[in-house]
Amino acid sequence: MSIASEAESQQVRCADASTVRLVRMFIDALRDDARIQIVVELVRVGPLSARALSRRLRMNYKRLNKALRDLEVVGLVEAVKVNVSESRAYRFYNIKPNVKIVLEMVLRSC
């Protein structure tokens, strides 16, 4: 085997390993119904505050916040802080753009 073909096969294995890690991350993050509901709602509607998500999904605020934190940790959701005054700020949650593209394709196929 030449050095070039050996390097190419190592790159393929690395790409496969990173793809497997990404898929595993998605699966682990979406094992909970609350997290699935949040992700689907954010893909369909766009950025929402925790309060708006709680109302739309009729979900307990404490459960929603835990699910949002879990989704943030794995990198599926990002929070954006918006200052509305000097003393008041709101956090809006959204699906990360690269994740959103994949999830929109999946939701369209359903």
C-alpha atoms as a PDB file:
ATOM      1  CA  MET A   1       0.000   0.000   0.000  1.00  0.00           C
ATOM      2  CA  SER A   2       1.397   3.401  -0.930  1.00  0.00           C
ATOM      3  CA  ILE A   3       1.776   6.232   1.575  1.00  0.00           C
ATOM      4  CA  ALA A   4      -0.896   8.281  -0.238  1.00  0.00           C
ATOM      5  CA  SER A   5      -3.508   5.523  -0.187  1.00  0.00           C
ATOM      6  CA  GLU A   6      -2.720   4.763   3.460  1.00  0.00           C
ATOM      7  CA  ALA A   7      -3.254   8.443   4.342  1.00  0.00           C
ATOM      8  CA  GLU A   8      -6.545   8.450   2.413  1.00  0.00           C
ATOM      9  CA  SER A   9      -7.787   5.370   4.251  1.00  0.00           C
ATOM     10  CA  GLN A  10      -6.908   7.001   7.596  1.00  0.00           C
ATOM     11  CA  GLN A  11      -8.888  10.126   6.586  1.00  0.00           C
ATOM     12  CA  VAL A  12     -11.889   7.964   5.703  1.00  0.00           C
ATOM     13  CA  ARG A  13     -11.695   6.214   9.078  1.00  0.00           C
ATOM     14  CA  CYS A  14     -11.470   9.603  10.863  1.00  0.00           C
ATOM     15  CA  ALA A  15     -14.467  10.911   8.935  1.00  0.00           C
ATOM     16  CA  ASP A  16     -16.394   7.778   9.801  1.00  0.00           C
ATOM     17  CA  ALA A  17     -15.492   8.114  13.480  1.00  0.00           C
ATOM     18  CA  SER A  18     -16.589  11.761  13.583  1.00  0.00           C
ATOM     19  CA  THR A  19     -19.834  10.907  11.809  1.00  0.00           C
ATOM     20  CA  VAL A  20     -20.489   8.134  14.300  1.00  0.00           C
ATOM     21  CA  ARG A  21     -19.807  10.543  17.183  1.00  0.00           C
ATOM     22  CA  LEU A  22     -22.220  13.110  15.727  1.00  0.00           C
ATOM     23  CA  VAL A  23     -24.979  10.540  15.242  1.00  0.00           C
ATOM     24  CA  ARG A  24     -24.411   9.175  18.752  1.00  0.00           C
ATOM     25  CA  MET A  25     -24.646  12.716  20.164  1.00  0.00           C
ATOM     26  CA  PHE A  26     -27.981  13.272  18.373  1.00  0.00           C
ATOM     27  CA  ILE A  27     -29.386   9.980  19.596  1.00  0.00           C
ATOM     28  CA  ASP A  28     -28.263  10.502  23.191  1.00  0.00           C
ATOM     29  CA  ALA A  29     -29.595  14.059  23.270  1.00  0.00           C
ATOM     30  CA  LEU A  30     -32.974  13.048  21.894  1.00  0.00           C
ATOM     31  CA  ARG A  31     -33.715  10.139  24.227  1.00  0.00           C
ATOM     32  CA  ASP A  32     -36.054  12.290  26.299  1.00  0.00           C
ATOM     33  CA  ASP A  33     -39.512  13.282  25.008  1.00  0.00           C
ATOM     34  CA  ALA A  34     -39.168  16.803  26.404  1.00  0.00           C
ATOM     35  CA  ARG A  35     -35.948  17.388  24.470  1.00  0.00           C
ATOM     36  CA  ILE A  36     -37.498  16.028  21.276  1.00  0.00           C
ATOM     37  CA  GLN A  37     -40.500  18.350  21.648  1.00  0.00           C
ATOM     38  CA  ILE A  38     -38.229  21.351  22.222  1.00  0.00           C
ATOM     39  CA  VAL A  39     -36.053  20.577  19.210  1.00  0.00           C
ATOM     40  CA  VAL A  40     -39.035  20.049  16.893  1.00  0.00           C
ATOM     41  CA  GLU A  41     -40.685  23.286  18.075  1.00  0.00           C
ATOM     42  CA  LEU A  42     -37.503  25.330  17.622  1.00  0.00           C
ATOM     43  CA  VAL A  43     -36.954  23.900  14.129  1.00  0.00           C
ATOM     44  CA  ARG A  44     -40.527  24.687  13.095  1.00  0.00           C
ATOM     45  CA  VAL A  45     -40.980  28.090  14.773  1.00  0.00           C
ATOM     46  CA  GLY A  46     -37.499  29.503  15.275  1.00  0.00           C
ATOM     47  CA  PRO A  47     -36.003  31.259  18.303  1.00  0.00           C
ATOM     48  CA  LEU A  48     -38.203  31.303  21.407  1.00  0.00           C
ATOM     49  CA  SER A  49     -37.808  32.247  25.053  1.00  0.00           C
ATOM     50  CA  ALA A  50     -38.084  29.584  27.728  1.00  0.00           C
ATOM     51  CA  ARG A  51     -41.412  31.065  28.808  1.00  0.00           C
ATOM     52  CA  ALA A  52     -42.801  30.908  25.253  1.00  0.00           C
ATOM     53  CA  LEU A  53     -41.573  27.325  24.842  1.00  0.00           C
ATOM     54  CA  SER A  54     -43.109  26.371  28.171  1.00  0.00           C
ATOM     55  CA  ARG A  55     -46.487  27.763  27.123  1.00  0.00           C
ATOM     56  CA  ARG A  56     -46.430  26.343  23.589  1.00  0.00           C
ATOM     57  CA  LEU A  57     -45.456  22.870  24.768  1.00  0.00           C
ATOM     58  CA  ARG A  58     -47.516  23.013  27.979  1.00  0.00           C
ATOM     59  CA  MET A  59     -44.433  21.860  29.822  1.00  0.00           C
ATOM     60  CA  ASN A  60     -43.395  22.434  33.414  1.00  0.00           C
ATOM     61  CA  TYR A  61     -40.876  25.297  33.500  1.00  0.00           C
ATOM     62  CA  LYS A  62     -38.378  23.368  35.646  1.00  0.00           C
ATOM     63  CA  ARG A  63     -38.444  20.355  33.302  1.00  0.00           C
ATOM     64  CA  LEU A  64     -38.106  22.639  30.274  1.00  0.00           C
ATOM     65  CA  ASN A  65     -35.071  24.446  31.702  1.00  0.00           C
ATOM     66  CA  LYS A  66     -33.314  21.168  32.465  1.00  0.00           C
ATOM     67  CA  ALA A  67     -33.969  19.907  28.943  1.00  0.00           C
ATOM     68  CA  LEU A  68     -32.720  23.198  27.442  1.00  0.00           C
ATOM     69  CA  ARG A  69     -29.515  23.013  29.499  1.00  0.00           C
ATOM     70  CA  ASP A  70     -28.968  19.405  28.373  1.00  0.00           C
ATOM     71  CA  LEU A  71     -29.464  20.391  24.721  1.00  0.00           C
ATOM     72  CA  GLU A  72     -27.049  23.306  25.132  1.00  0.00           C
ATOM     73  CA  VAL A  73     -24.375  21.075  26.654  1.00  0.00           C
ATOM     74  CA  VAL A  74     -24.418  18.666  23.704  1.00  0.00           C
ATOM     75  CA  GLY A  75     -24.411  21.534  21.224  1.00  0.00           C
ATOM     76  CA  LEU A  76     -27.827  21.195  19.608  1.00  0.00           C
ATOM     77  CA  VAL A  77     -29.299  24.408  21.031  1.00  0.00           C
ATOM     78  CA  GLU A  78     -27.773  27.811  21.613  1.00  0.00           C
ATOM     79  CA  ALA A  79     -29.006  30.587  23.872  1.00  0.00           C
ATOM     80  CA  VAL A  80     -28.818  34.227  22.838  1.00  0.00           C
ATOM     81  CA  LYS A  81     -29.084  36.884  25.505  1.00  0.00           C
ATOM     82  CA  VAL A  82     -30.951  40.024  24.416  1.00  0.00           C
ATOM     83  CA  ASN A  83     -30.742  43.105  26.633  1.00  0.00           C
ATOM     84  CA  VAL A  84     -34.060  44.941  26.546  1.00  0.00           C
ATOM     85  CA  SER A  85     -32.981  47.508  29.133  1.00  0.00           C
ATOM     86  CA  GLU A  86     -30.081  48.108  31.491  1.00  0.00           C
ATOM     87  CA  SER A  87     -31.609  45.893  34.135  1.00  0.00           C
ATOM     88  CA  ARG A  88     -33.512  43.360  32.040  1.00  0.00           C
ATOM     89  CA  ALA A  89     -32.368  40.701  29.598  1.00  0.00           C
ATOM     90  CA  TYR A  90     -34.124  37.816  27.890  1.00  0.00           C
ATOM     91  CA  ARG A  91     -32.648  34.539  26.680  1.00  0.00           C
ATOM     92  CA  PHE A  92     -33.884  33.166  23.400  1.00  0.00           C
ATOM     93  CA  TYR A  93     -33.147  29.595  22.412  1.00  0.00           C
ATOM     94  CA  ASN A  94     -32.535  28.377  18.898  1.00  0.00           C
ATOM     95  CA  ILE A  95     -31.237  25.301  17.121  1.00  0.00           C
ATOM     96  CA  LYS A  96     -27.648  25.720  15.934  1.00  0.00           C
ATOM     97  CA  PRO A  97     -27.612  26.446  12.176  1.00  0.00           C
ATOM     98  CA  ASN A  98     -25.698  23.339  11.085  1.00  0.00           C
ATOM     99  CA  VAL A  99     -27.951  21.115  13.190  1.00  0.00           C
ATOM    100  CA  LYS A 100     -31.082  22.881  11.934  1.00  0.00           C
ATOM    101  CA  ILE A 101     -30.303  22.020   8.297  1.00  0.00           C
ATOM    102  CA  VAL A 102     -30.133  18.312   9.099  1.00  0.00           C
ATOM    103  CA  LEU A 103     -33.234  18.359  11.289  1.00  0.00           C
ATOM    104  CA  GLU A 104     -35.303  20.271   8.682  1.00  0.00           C
ATOM    105  CA  MET A 105     -34.505  17.586   6.119  1.00  0.00           C
ATOM    106  CA  VAL A 106     -35.572  14.868   8.563  1.00  0.00           C
ATOM    107  CA  LEU A 107     -38.805  16.666   9.481  1.00  0.00           C
ATOM    108  CA  ARG A 108     -39.665  17.271   5.813  1.00  0.00           C
ATOM    109  CA  SER A 109     -39.411  13.559   5.126  1.00  0.00           C
ATOM    110  CA  CYS A 110     -41.991  12.743   7.847  1.00  0.00           C
END
